[in-house]
Amino acid sequence: MSRTAKKIVSDAEELRQLEALARSKKSEFRLVERARMVLACLAGEPVCAVADRFQTSTNTVIAWRDRFEQLGVCGLTDMPRSGRPAHYAAEFRESVLQLLGMPPPAGQGYWNGVTIAKTLQVSDDAVSRLLRKEGIQLRQQRNVETNLALAQNPSPA
C-alpha cells in the first residue's frame, strides 16, 4: 500500500501571502521556490511530484512543508546560523573611533590602518575590517569630524 502525503492546511491570510511570494519578481529566488513548493503541497500534489518539478529531493520538499506548517510563511526564510563569534567587541570599535578623534602621531598627516593597529596592538586586518564596516575611508580627503559622524550614523546599505 502506498503512503499518502501529510495534509497541511492554511488560513486565507497565509495563502494570500504565499501566493504573493510565489508570484514575486523582487524576492529572493529561493523564497519564491519554497513558496511554490508549499503551494503545490497545499494543492494536494504528491511530494515526489513536487520534488521532480523543482528538481530537488523529497526530503527538501518535506522539510519546507513541515517548516511552513510549524512557523507559517516566516518559516520559509533561512534560520540564523551560528557562525564564528566576533573576536573584537564594542570596546574595540570605541577605542578605534576614539583614536581617530586624536591627532595622528608625529610625522604623519593622517591616521592609517597600520598605525592604528600598532597603537592599539591589534591586527591591522581587524582595523581595516572595522573601518570598512563603518564606512570610514582614511585616505579620502575628509576631516576627522566627518569620518566620526559617518561612524556614528552609518547610512543604510
N, C-alpha and C. Protein backbone atom coordinates (compact mmCIF):
# COMPACT_ATOMS: atom_id res chain seq x y z
N MET A 1 0.85 -1.17 0.00
CA MET A 1 0.00 0.00 0.00
C MET A 1 0.90 1.24 0.00
N SER A 2 0.63 2.20 -0.87
CA SER A 2 1.46 3.40 -0.95
C SER A 2 1.09 4.36 0.17
N ARG A 3 2.10 5.11 0.58
CA ARG A 3 1.87 6.11 1.63
C ARG A 3 1.30 7.38 1.03
N THR A 4 0.48 8.04 1.78
CA THR A 4 -0.06 9.31 1.33
C THR A 4 0.66 10.44 2.06
N ALA A 5 0.81 11.56 1.38
CA ALA A 5 1.49 12.70 1.98
C ALA A 5 0.65 13.31 3.09
N LYS A 6 1.34 13.88 4.06
CA LYS A 6 0.66 14.54 5.17
C LYS A 6 -0.07 15.76 4.64
N LYS A 7 -1.30 15.93 5.01
CA LYS A 7 -2.11 17.06 4.57
C LYS A 7 -1.81 18.26 5.45
N ILE A 8 -1.59 19.39 4.83
CA ILE A 8 -1.41 20.62 5.59
C ILE A 8 -2.52 21.58 5.20
N VAL A 9 -2.85 22.44 6.12
CA VAL A 9 -3.90 23.41 5.88
C VAL A 9 -3.35 24.81 6.14
N SER A 10 -4.00 25.78 5.53
CA SER A 10 -3.55 27.16 5.67
C SER A 10 -4.78 28.05 5.73
N ASP A 11 -4.68 29.10 6.51
CA ASP A 11 -5.80 30.05 6.53
C ASP A 11 -5.69 30.98 5.32
N ALA A 12 -6.69 31.79 5.12
CA ALA A 12 -6.77 32.63 3.92
C ALA A 12 -5.63 33.65 3.85
N GLU A 13 -5.25 34.20 5.00
CA GLU A 13 -4.18 35.21 5.03
C GLU A 13 -2.84 34.59 4.64
N GLU A 14 -2.52 33.42 5.21
CA GLU A 14 -1.27 32.74 4.86
C GLU A 14 -1.26 32.35 3.39
N LEU A 15 -2.39 31.89 2.88
CA LEU A 15 -2.49 31.51 1.48
C LEU A 15 -2.26 32.72 0.58
N ARG A 16 -2.81 33.87 0.95
CA ARG A 16 -2.61 35.09 0.18
C ARG A 16 -1.13 35.49 0.18
N GLN A 17 -0.48 35.40 1.35
CA GLN A 17 0.94 35.73 1.45
C GLN A 17 1.80 34.78 0.61
N LEU A 18 1.46 33.49 0.66
CA LEU A 18 2.20 32.50 -0.13
C LEU A 18 2.07 32.78 -1.62
N GLU A 19 0.86 33.06 -2.07
CA GLU A 19 0.65 33.32 -3.50
C GLU A 19 1.37 34.59 -3.94
N ALA A 20 1.36 35.61 -3.10
CA ALA A 20 2.08 36.84 -3.43
C ALA A 20 3.58 36.58 -3.51
N LEU A 21 4.09 35.80 -2.59
CA LEU A 21 5.51 35.46 -2.59
C LEU A 21 5.87 34.60 -3.80
N ALA A 22 5.01 33.69 -4.16
CA ALA A 22 5.28 32.81 -5.30
C ALA A 22 5.27 33.59 -6.62
N ARG A 23 4.53 34.68 -6.70
CA ARG A 23 4.48 35.50 -7.92
C ARG A 23 5.52 36.61 -7.92
N SER A 24 6.18 36.82 -6.80
CA SER A 24 7.07 37.95 -6.65
C SER A 24 8.24 37.91 -7.63
N LYS A 25 8.55 39.05 -8.19
CA LYS A 25 9.69 39.19 -9.09
C LYS A 25 10.90 39.79 -8.37
N LYS A 26 10.68 40.33 -7.18
CA LYS A 26 11.76 41.02 -6.48
C LYS A 26 12.27 40.27 -5.26
N SER A 27 11.56 39.24 -4.83
CA SER A 27 12.02 38.46 -3.67
C SER A 27 13.12 37.52 -4.10
N GLU A 28 13.85 37.00 -3.12
CA GLU A 28 14.90 36.03 -3.40
C GLU A 28 14.29 34.81 -4.09
N PHE A 29 15.02 34.26 -5.04
CA PHE A 29 14.52 33.12 -5.79
C PHE A 29 14.24 31.93 -4.89
N ARG A 30 15.10 31.70 -3.89
CA ARG A 30 14.88 30.54 -3.03
C ARG A 30 13.60 30.66 -2.22
N LEU A 31 13.23 31.89 -1.82
CA LEU A 31 11.97 32.08 -1.09
C LEU A 31 10.77 31.84 -2.01
N VAL A 32 10.88 32.32 -3.26
CA VAL A 32 9.81 32.13 -4.23
C VAL A 32 9.63 30.64 -4.50
N GLU A 33 10.74 29.93 -4.67
CA GLU A 33 10.66 28.49 -4.94
C GLU A 33 10.07 27.73 -3.76
N ARG A 34 10.45 28.11 -2.54
CA ARG A 34 9.89 27.45 -1.35
C ARG A 34 8.39 27.69 -1.26
N ALA A 35 7.97 28.92 -1.56
CA ALA A 35 6.53 29.22 -1.53
C ALA A 35 5.79 28.39 -2.57
N ARG A 36 6.38 28.23 -3.73
CA ARG A 36 5.75 27.43 -4.77
C ARG A 36 5.66 25.96 -4.37
N MET A 37 6.70 25.46 -3.68
CA MET A 37 6.67 24.07 -3.19
C MET A 37 5.53 23.88 -2.20
N VAL A 38 5.40 24.82 -1.28
CA VAL A 38 4.35 24.71 -0.25
C VAL A 38 2.97 24.83 -0.90
N LEU A 39 2.82 25.72 -1.87
CA LEU A 39 1.54 25.84 -2.55
C LEU A 39 1.17 24.54 -3.27
N ALA A 40 2.15 23.89 -3.86
CA ALA A 40 1.89 22.62 -4.52
C ALA A 40 1.47 21.56 -3.51
N CYS A 41 2.10 21.57 -2.34
CA CYS A 41 1.71 20.62 -1.29
C CYS A 41 0.30 20.93 -0.78
N LEU A 42 -0.02 22.21 -0.66
CA LEU A 42 -1.37 22.59 -0.22
C LEU A 42 -2.42 22.17 -1.25
N ALA A 43 -2.02 22.15 -2.52
CA ALA A 43 -2.95 21.76 -3.57
C ALA A 43 -3.16 20.25 -3.61
N GLY A 44 -2.38 19.52 -2.81
CA GLY A 44 -2.57 18.09 -2.72
C GLY A 44 -1.67 17.27 -3.63
N GLU A 45 -0.70 17.90 -4.26
CA GLU A 45 0.22 17.15 -5.12
C GLU A 45 1.09 16.24 -4.28
N PRO A 46 1.46 15.08 -4.79
CA PRO A 46 2.36 14.19 -4.05
C PRO A 46 3.75 14.82 -3.93
N VAL A 47 4.41 14.51 -2.82
CA VAL A 47 5.72 15.09 -2.54
C VAL A 47 6.72 14.74 -3.64
N CYS A 48 6.69 13.51 -4.14
CA CYS A 48 7.64 13.12 -5.17
C CYS A 48 7.42 13.90 -6.46
N ALA A 49 6.18 14.23 -6.80
CA ALA A 49 5.89 15.03 -7.99
C ALA A 49 6.39 16.46 -7.81
N VAL A 50 6.22 17.01 -6.61
CA VAL A 50 6.70 18.36 -6.33
C VAL A 50 8.23 18.39 -6.41
N ALA A 51 8.86 17.36 -5.85
CA ALA A 51 10.32 17.28 -5.89
C ALA A 51 10.83 17.19 -7.32
N ASP A 52 10.17 16.41 -8.15
CA ASP A 52 10.57 16.29 -9.55
C ASP A 52 10.41 17.62 -10.28
N ARG A 53 9.32 18.31 -10.03
CA ARG A 53 9.07 19.58 -10.71
C ARG A 53 10.12 20.62 -10.35
N PHE A 54 10.54 20.65 -9.08
CA PHE A 54 11.51 21.65 -8.64
C PHE A 54 12.94 21.13 -8.66
N GLN A 55 13.14 19.93 -9.18
CA GLN A 55 14.44 19.30 -9.30
C GLN A 55 15.21 19.32 -7.98
N THR A 56 14.54 18.80 -6.96
CA THR A 56 15.14 18.72 -5.63
C THR A 56 14.75 17.38 -5.03
N SER A 57 15.20 17.13 -3.83
CA SER A 57 14.89 15.85 -3.19
C SER A 57 13.55 15.92 -2.46
N THR A 58 12.97 14.77 -2.22
CA THR A 58 11.71 14.72 -1.48
C THR A 58 11.91 15.21 -0.06
N ASN A 59 13.08 14.95 0.51
CA ASN A 59 13.35 15.42 1.87
C ASN A 59 13.33 16.95 1.97
N THR A 60 13.80 17.62 0.91
CA THR A 60 13.77 19.08 0.90
C THR A 60 12.34 19.59 0.88
N VAL A 61 11.51 18.99 0.05
CA VAL A 61 10.10 19.40 -0.02
C VAL A 61 9.43 19.16 1.33
N ILE A 62 9.68 18.01 1.93
CA ILE A 62 9.08 17.69 3.23
C ILE A 62 9.55 18.67 4.29
N ALA A 63 10.84 19.02 4.26
CA ALA A 63 11.37 19.95 5.26
C ALA A 63 10.68 21.31 5.17
N TRP A 64 10.51 21.84 3.95
CA TRP A 64 9.87 23.16 3.81
C TRP A 64 8.38 23.09 4.11
N ARG A 65 7.75 21.99 3.76
CA ARG A 65 6.33 21.81 4.07
C ARG A 65 6.14 21.80 5.59
N ASP A 66 7.00 21.06 6.29
CA ASP A 66 6.89 20.99 7.76
C ASP A 66 7.22 22.32 8.43
N ARG A 67 8.24 23.04 7.91
CA ARG A 67 8.57 24.34 8.48
C ARG A 67 7.41 25.31 8.29
N PHE A 68 6.75 25.25 7.13
CA PHE A 68 5.59 26.11 6.90
C PHE A 68 4.47 25.75 7.87
N GLU A 69 4.28 24.47 8.07
CA GLU A 69 3.21 24.02 8.97
C GLU A 69 3.46 24.51 10.40
N GLN A 70 4.71 24.51 10.82
CA GLN A 70 5.04 24.93 12.19
C GLN A 70 5.09 26.44 12.37
N LEU A 71 5.73 27.15 11.40
CA LEU A 71 6.02 28.57 11.59
C LEU A 71 5.27 29.51 10.65
N GLY A 72 4.56 28.97 9.70
CA GLY A 72 3.85 29.81 8.75
C GLY A 72 4.79 30.32 7.66
N VAL A 73 4.43 31.42 7.03
CA VAL A 73 5.19 31.96 5.91
C VAL A 73 6.59 32.39 6.35
N CYS A 74 6.73 32.91 7.56
CA CYS A 74 8.07 33.33 8.02
C CYS A 74 8.99 32.14 8.20
N GLY A 75 8.46 30.92 8.27
CA GLY A 75 9.30 29.73 8.37
C GLY A 75 10.02 29.40 7.08
N LEU A 76 9.66 30.05 5.97
CA LEU A 76 10.31 29.78 4.70
C LEU A 76 11.65 30.51 4.56
N THR A 77 11.93 31.45 5.43
CA THR A 77 13.22 32.13 5.40
C THR A 77 14.26 31.27 6.09
N ASP A 78 15.52 31.54 5.79
CA ASP A 78 16.61 30.79 6.40
C ASP A 78 16.70 31.11 7.88
N MET A 79 17.01 30.10 8.68
CA MET A 79 17.22 30.31 10.10
C MET A 79 18.60 30.91 10.30
N PRO A 80 18.81 31.70 11.35
CA PRO A 80 20.15 32.25 11.59
C PRO A 80 21.15 31.14 11.88
N ARG A 81 22.33 31.32 11.39
CA ARG A 81 23.38 30.33 11.60
C ARG A 81 24.32 30.83 12.68
N SER A 82 24.98 29.90 13.32
CA SER A 82 25.82 30.28 14.45
C SER A 82 27.02 31.10 14.00
N GLY A 83 27.77 30.60 13.07
CA GLY A 83 28.94 31.33 12.59
C GLY A 83 29.98 31.50 13.67
N ARG A 84 31.07 32.05 13.27
CA ARG A 84 32.16 32.27 14.21
C ARG A 84 31.86 33.53 15.02
N PRO A 85 32.04 33.50 16.33
CA PRO A 85 31.75 34.69 17.13
C PRO A 85 32.76 35.80 16.83
N ALA A 86 32.30 37.04 17.00
CA ALA A 86 33.17 38.19 16.75
C ALA A 86 34.33 38.17 17.73
N HIS A 87 35.51 38.40 17.21
CA HIS A 87 36.71 38.37 18.06
C HIS A 87 36.85 39.67 18.84
N TYR A 88 36.50 40.77 18.20
CA TYR A 88 36.62 42.07 18.85
C TYR A 88 35.23 42.56 19.22
N ALA A 89 35.11 43.11 20.38
CA ALA A 89 33.82 43.55 20.90
C ALA A 89 33.63 45.05 20.64
N ALA A 90 32.61 45.60 21.24
CA ALA A 90 32.27 47.01 21.08
C ALA A 90 33.37 47.92 21.62
N GLU A 91 34.12 47.42 22.60
CA GLU A 91 35.21 48.24 23.17
C GLU A 91 36.26 48.52 22.11
N PHE A 92 36.51 47.53 21.24
CA PHE A 92 37.48 47.71 20.16
C PHE A 92 37.02 48.82 19.21
N ARG A 93 35.76 48.79 18.86
CA ARG A 93 35.20 49.82 17.97
C ARG A 93 35.35 51.20 18.60
N GLU A 94 34.99 51.29 19.88
CA GLU A 94 35.07 52.57 20.57
C GLU A 94 36.51 53.07 20.66
N SER A 95 37.46 52.17 20.90
CA SER A 95 38.86 52.60 21.01
C SER A 95 39.39 53.09 19.67
N VAL A 96 38.99 52.44 18.57
CA VAL A 96 39.42 52.90 17.24
C VAL A 96 38.81 54.26 16.95
N LEU A 97 37.53 54.44 17.21
CA LEU A 97 36.89 55.73 16.95
C LEU A 97 37.46 56.84 17.83
N GLN A 98 37.79 56.50 19.06
CA GLN A 98 38.38 57.48 19.96
C GLN A 98 39.76 57.88 19.46
N LEU A 99 40.52 56.91 18.97
CA LEU A 99 41.86 57.17 18.46
C LEU A 99 41.79 58.05 17.21
N LEU A 100 40.79 57.85 16.38
CA LEU A 100 40.63 58.68 15.18
C LEU A 100 40.32 60.13 15.52
N GLY A 101 39.75 60.37 16.68
CA GLY A 101 39.45 61.73 17.11
C GLY A 101 40.68 62.47 17.60
N MET A 102 41.76 61.75 17.86
CA MET A 102 43.00 62.36 18.34
C MET A 102 43.89 62.70 17.15
N PRO A 103 44.85 63.61 17.33
CA PRO A 103 45.76 63.92 16.23
C PRO A 103 46.67 62.72 15.92
N PRO A 104 47.08 62.56 14.66
CA PRO A 104 47.94 61.43 14.31
C PRO A 104 49.32 61.57 14.94
N PRO A 105 50.08 60.49 14.96
CA PRO A 105 51.42 60.55 15.55
C PRO A 105 52.31 61.57 14.83
N ALA A 106 53.36 61.97 15.51
CA ALA A 106 54.28 62.96 14.93
C ALA A 106 54.87 62.41 13.64
N GLY A 107 54.93 63.25 12.63
CA GLY A 107 55.49 62.85 11.36
C GLY A 107 54.46 62.31 10.38
N GLN A 108 53.21 62.19 10.80
CA GLN A 108 52.17 61.69 9.91
C GLN A 108 51.08 62.75 9.78
N GLY A 109 50.54 62.85 8.58
CA GLY A 109 49.49 63.82 8.33
C GLY A 109 48.11 63.29 8.67
N TYR A 110 47.96 61.96 8.67
CA TYR A 110 46.67 61.35 8.95
C TYR A 110 46.90 59.95 9.50
N TRP A 111 45.84 59.40 10.11
CA TRP A 111 45.90 58.03 10.60
C TRP A 111 45.80 57.07 9.42
N ASN A 112 46.49 55.95 9.51
CA ASN A 112 46.26 54.86 8.57
C ASN A 112 46.04 53.58 9.37
N GLY A 113 45.58 52.54 8.69
CA GLY A 113 45.21 51.31 9.39
C GLY A 113 46.36 50.67 10.14
N VAL A 114 47.55 50.70 9.56
CA VAL A 114 48.72 50.08 10.21
C VAL A 114 49.08 50.84 11.47
N THR A 115 49.05 52.17 11.42
CA THR A 115 49.38 52.97 12.60
C THR A 115 48.35 52.76 13.71
N ILE A 116 47.10 52.69 13.34
CA ILE A 116 46.06 52.44 14.34
C ILE A 116 46.28 51.07 14.98
N ALA A 117 46.58 50.07 14.16
CA ALA A 117 46.80 48.71 14.67
C ALA A 117 47.99 48.66 15.62
N LYS A 118 49.08 49.32 15.25
CA LYS A 118 50.27 49.33 16.12
C LYS A 118 50.00 50.06 17.43
N THR A 119 49.26 51.16 17.34
CA THR A 119 48.95 51.93 18.55
C THR A 119 48.09 51.13 19.51
N LEU A 120 47.10 50.42 18.96
CA LEU A 120 46.18 49.63 19.82
C LEU A 120 46.68 48.21 20.05
N GLN A 121 47.77 47.82 19.38
CA GLN A 121 48.35 46.48 19.48
C GLN A 121 47.33 45.40 19.11
N VAL A 122 46.73 45.58 17.92
CA VAL A 122 45.78 44.62 17.37
C VAL A 122 46.17 44.35 15.93
N SER A 123 45.45 43.46 15.29
CA SER A 123 45.70 43.11 13.90
C SER A 123 45.27 44.24 12.98
N ASP A 124 46.11 44.53 11.97
CA ASP A 124 45.73 45.57 11.02
C ASP A 124 44.56 45.13 10.14
N ASP A 125 44.38 43.81 9.96
CA ASP A 125 43.22 43.32 9.23
C ASP A 125 41.93 43.63 9.98
N ALA A 126 41.97 43.47 11.30
CA ALA A 126 40.79 43.77 12.11
C ALA A 126 40.44 45.25 12.02
N VAL A 127 41.46 46.09 12.03
CA VAL A 127 41.22 47.53 11.91
C VAL A 127 40.61 47.86 10.56
N SER A 128 41.16 47.28 9.49
CA SER A 128 40.63 47.59 8.15
C SER A 128 39.21 47.06 7.98
N ARG A 129 38.90 45.89 8.58
CA ARG A 129 37.52 45.37 8.51
C ARG A 129 36.56 46.31 9.23
N LEU A 130 36.97 46.79 10.40
CA LEU A 130 36.12 47.71 11.15
C LEU A 130 35.91 49.01 10.39
N LEU A 131 36.98 49.57 9.85
CA LEU A 131 36.86 50.83 9.13
C LEU A 131 35.96 50.68 7.90
N ARG A 132 36.10 49.55 7.20
CA ARG A 132 35.26 49.29 6.03
C ARG A 132 33.80 49.16 6.45
N LYS A 133 33.57 48.44 7.56
CA LYS A 133 32.21 48.24 8.04
C LYS A 133 31.56 49.57 8.45
N GLU A 134 32.35 50.44 9.03
CA GLU A 134 31.83 51.74 9.49
C GLU A 134 31.76 52.77 8.37
N GLY A 135 32.33 52.47 7.22
CA GLY A 135 32.30 53.41 6.11
C GLY A 135 33.33 54.52 6.22
N ILE A 136 34.38 54.30 7.00
CA ILE A 136 35.42 55.30 7.18
C ILE A 136 36.52 55.04 6.17
N GLN A 137 36.83 56.07 5.39
CA GLN A 137 37.90 55.97 4.39
C GLN A 137 38.98 56.97 4.78
N LEU A 138 40.08 56.47 5.31
CA LEU A 138 41.10 57.34 5.87
C LEU A 138 41.85 58.13 4.81
N ARG A 139 42.01 57.59 3.63
CA ARG A 139 42.76 58.28 2.60
C ARG A 139 41.95 59.35 1.88
N GLN A 140 40.65 59.27 1.99
CA GLN A 140 39.81 60.25 1.34
C GLN A 140 39.95 61.59 2.06
N GLN A 141 39.89 62.67 1.32
CA GLN A 141 40.09 63.99 1.91
C GLN A 141 38.84 64.41 2.68
N ARG A 142 38.71 63.89 3.87
CA ARG A 142 37.64 64.29 4.77
C ARG A 142 38.28 64.71 6.08
N ASN A 143 37.57 65.51 6.81
CA ASN A 143 38.09 65.83 8.12
C ASN A 143 37.66 64.76 9.12
N VAL A 144 38.25 64.78 10.27
CA VAL A 144 38.02 63.75 11.28
C VAL A 144 36.56 63.76 11.72
N GLU A 145 35.95 64.93 11.82
CA GLU A 145 34.57 65.03 12.27
C GLU A 145 33.62 64.32 11.30
N THR A 146 33.89 64.43 10.00
CA THR A 146 33.04 63.76 9.01
C THR A 146 33.16 62.25 9.14
N ASN A 147 34.39 61.75 9.30
CA ASN A 147 34.59 60.31 9.48
C ASN A 147 33.89 59.80 10.73
N LEU A 148 34.01 60.55 11.82
CA LEU A 148 33.36 60.13 13.06
C LEU A 148 31.85 60.20 12.95
N ALA A 149 31.34 61.22 12.23
CA ALA A 149 29.89 61.32 12.04
C ALA A 149 29.38 60.15 11.20
N LEU A 150 30.15 59.73 10.20
CA LEU A 150 29.76 58.57 9.40
C LEU A 150 29.75 57.31 10.26
N ALA A 151 30.70 57.19 11.15
CA ALA A 151 30.75 56.01 12.00
C ALA A 151 29.60 55.99 13.01
N GLN A 152 29.18 57.17 13.47
CA GLN A 152 28.10 57.23 14.44
C GLN A 152 26.74 56.98 13.81
N ASN A 153 26.55 57.47 12.54
CA ASN A 153 25.28 57.35 11.83
C ASN A 153 25.52 56.75 10.46
N PRO A 154 25.77 55.43 10.39
CA PRO A 154 26.01 54.84 9.07
C PRO A 154 24.77 54.87 8.21
N SER A 155 24.98 55.09 6.92
CA SER A 155 23.84 55.11 6.01
C SER A 155 23.37 53.69 5.76
N PRO A 156 22.06 53.47 5.57
CA PRO A 156 21.56 52.12 5.32
C PRO A 156 22.07 51.62 3.97
N ALA A 157 22.54 50.36 3.96
CA ALA A 157 23.11 49.79 2.74
C ALA A 157 22.07 49.13 1.91
